[in-house]
């Protein structure tokens, strides 16, 4: 069983309302939260000062956790809140990736974390595009 299957089987999801990109973003945010949490812990164990990296990893883990939890709820969904959370996750993931890439040559955990954060940012970007298109489509139908 995968999170994507779980979300697709929700009673309120129909083929015309299924958002594959959002399901993918939920998966990526879950993975990124776990990887960032682990990277922050590994950074604490490093002999050099990794405070900023720890901070960004922890922030990203928290943002991703809140975002995937909100985005995975399909009953009475609030698309605007989901878009806001995806945008925050995108921003946090980019910042974390930038910081981890700075340490990536010396620390494998940072290199891995940066790659996962980039994947998450891209998944959030794609989900945002679809949600924005859906909102535009819905407002266009309401106007006519």
Protein backbone atom coordinates (compact mmCIF):
# COMPACT_ATOMS: atom_id res chain seq x y z
CA UNK A 1 0.00 0.00 0.00
CA UNK A 2 1.28 3.44 -0.85
CA UNK A 3 0.17 6.89 0.24
CA UNK A 4 -0.79 7.61 -3.37
CA UNK A 5 -3.17 4.63 -3.39
CA UNK A 6 -4.60 5.62 -0.04
CA UNK A 7 -5.36 9.13 -1.26
CA UNK A 8 -6.83 7.88 -4.54
CA UNK A 9 -9.23 5.59 -2.67
CA UNK A 10 -10.80 8.40 -0.64
CA UNK A 11 -14.60 8.46 -1.12
CA UNK A 12 -14.50 12.11 -2.26
CA UNK A 13 -11.94 11.46 -4.99
CA UNK A 14 -13.39 10.86 -8.41
CA UNK A 15 -11.44 10.60 -11.66
CA UNK A 16 -12.25 14.23 -12.49
CA UNK A 17 -11.10 15.43 -9.04
CA UNK A 18 -8.05 13.20 -8.66
CA UNK A 19 -4.88 15.24 -8.57
CA UNK A 20 -1.95 12.91 -9.27
CA UNK A 21 0.59 15.71 -8.82
CA UNK A 22 -0.79 16.46 -5.35
CA UNK A 23 -0.56 12.78 -4.40
CA UNK A 24 3.06 12.76 -5.58
CA UNK A 25 3.79 15.93 -3.61
CA UNK A 26 2.34 14.35 -0.46
CA UNK A 27 4.71 11.39 -0.87
CA UNK A 28 7.70 13.66 -1.49
CA UNK A 29 6.86 15.85 1.51
CA UNK A 30 6.63 12.78 3.76
CA UNK A 31 10.02 11.53 2.57
CA UNK A 32 11.59 14.97 2.84
CA UNK A 33 10.34 15.44 6.40
CA UNK A 34 12.00 12.18 7.43
CA UNK A 35 15.26 12.85 5.56
CA UNK A 36 15.54 16.41 6.88
CA UNK A 37 14.93 15.19 10.42
CA UNK A 38 17.70 12.62 10.01
CA UNK A 39 20.07 15.12 8.39
CA UNK A 40 19.54 17.59 11.24
CA UNK A 41 20.44 14.87 13.72
CA UNK A 42 23.54 13.92 11.73
CA UNK A 43 24.57 17.59 11.52
CA UNK A 44 24.43 17.84 15.32
CA UNK A 45 26.97 15.00 15.49
CA UNK A 46 29.41 16.71 13.10
CA UNK A 47 32.46 18.37 14.70
CA UNK A 48 32.03 21.62 12.77
CA UNK A 49 29.41 24.30 13.42
CA UNK A 50 26.32 23.18 11.49
CA UNK A 51 23.75 25.31 13.33
CA UNK A 52 22.27 26.91 10.22
CA UNK A 53 21.98 23.57 8.45
CA UNK A 54 20.33 22.03 11.52
CA UNK A 55 17.89 24.93 11.72
CA UNK A 56 16.92 24.75 8.04
CA UNK A 57 16.57 20.96 8.13
CA UNK A 58 14.33 21.14 11.19
CA UNK A 59 12.24 23.96 9.70
CA UNK A 60 11.84 22.04 6.45
CA UNK A 61 10.90 18.84 8.27
CA UNK A 62 8.23 20.73 10.23
CA UNK A 63 6.85 22.57 7.18
CA UNK A 64 6.77 19.38 5.11
CA UNK A 65 5.01 17.50 7.90
CA UNK A 66 2.31 20.15 8.26
CA UNK A 67 1.95 20.44 4.48
CA UNK A 68 1.61 16.72 3.77
CA UNK A 69 -0.89 16.30 6.59
CA UNK A 70 -3.10 19.11 5.29
CA UNK A 71 -2.73 18.08 1.63
CA UNK A 72 -3.62 14.46 2.38
CA UNK A 73 -7.02 15.37 3.84
CA UNK A 74 -9.55 15.22 1.04
CA UNK A 75 -12.81 15.76 2.94
CA UNK A 76 -13.94 19.35 2.49
CA UNK A 77 -10.53 20.34 1.15
CA UNK A 78 -9.44 23.95 1.28
CA UNK A 79 -7.47 24.41 -1.95
CA UNK A 80 -6.19 27.84 -0.96
CA UNK A 81 -4.71 26.52 2.29
CA UNK A 82 -3.19 23.57 0.42
CA UNK A 83 -1.64 25.96 -2.12
CA UNK A 84 -0.24 28.08 0.72
CA UNK A 85 1.27 25.02 2.39
CA UNK A 86 2.75 23.75 -0.90
CA UNK A 87 4.33 27.16 -1.50
CA UNK A 88 5.80 27.17 2.02
CA UNK A 89 7.13 23.65 1.52
CA UNK A 90 8.64 24.66 -1.82
CA UNK A 91 10.39 27.64 -0.20
CA UNK A 92 11.67 25.69 2.81
CA UNK A 93 12.90 22.85 0.61
CA UNK A 94 14.83 25.20 -1.68
CA UNK A 95 16.49 26.95 1.28
CA UNK A 96 17.40 23.66 2.91
CA UNK A 97 18.76 22.26 -0.36
CA UNK A 98 20.92 25.35 -0.86
CA UNK A 99 22.39 25.05 2.64
CA UNK A 100 22.90 21.29 2.47
CA UNK A 101 24.59 21.57 -0.93
CA UNK A 102 27.12 23.90 0.69
CA UNK A 103 28.13 20.99 2.98
CA UNK A 104 27.44 18.17 0.52
CA UNK A 105 31.03 17.51 -0.51
CA UNK A 106 32.05 16.85 3.09
CA UNK A 107 28.89 15.21 4.40
CA UNK A 108 26.96 12.51 2.55
CA UNK A 109 23.86 13.09 4.65
CA UNK A 110 23.76 16.71 3.46
CA UNK A 111 24.24 15.68 -0.16
CA UNK A 112 21.34 13.21 0.12
CA UNK A 113 19.17 15.74 1.95
CA UNK A 114 19.79 18.40 -0.71
CA UNK A 115 18.76 16.00 -3.48
CA UNK A 116 15.57 15.00 -1.66
CA UNK A 117 14.72 18.64 -0.95
CA UNK A 118 15.10 19.50 -4.65
CA UNK A 119 12.78 16.61 -5.57
CA UNK A 120 10.25 17.81 -3.01
CA UNK A 121 10.42 21.39 -4.27
CA UNK A 122 9.77 20.19 -7.82
CA UNK A 123 6.84 18.02 -6.72
CA UNK A 124 5.35 20.96 -4.81
CA UNK A 125 5.84 23.24 -7.82
CA UNK A 126 4.04 20.80 -10.10
CA UNK A 127 1.18 20.32 -7.64
CA UNK A 128 0.84 24.10 -7.32
CA UNK A 129 0.63 24.45 -11.10
CA UNK A 130 -2.22 21.95 -11.24
CA UNK A 131 -4.07 23.49 -8.29
CA UNK A 132 -3.68 26.97 -9.76
CA UNK A 133 -4.96 25.71 -13.12
CA UNK A 134 -7.93 24.07 -11.39
CA UNK A 135 -8.71 27.31 -9.54
CA UNK A 136 -8.45 29.28 -12.79
CA UNK A 137 -10.68 26.74 -14.55
CA UNK A 138 -13.25 26.87 -11.71
CA UNK A 139 -13.32 30.69 -11.66
CA UNK A 140 -13.67 30.77 -15.45
CA UNK A 141 -16.73 28.49 -15.25
CA UNK A 142 -18.26 30.60 -12.48
CA UNK A 143 -17.77 33.80 -14.50
CA UNK A 144 -19.63 32.37 -17.51
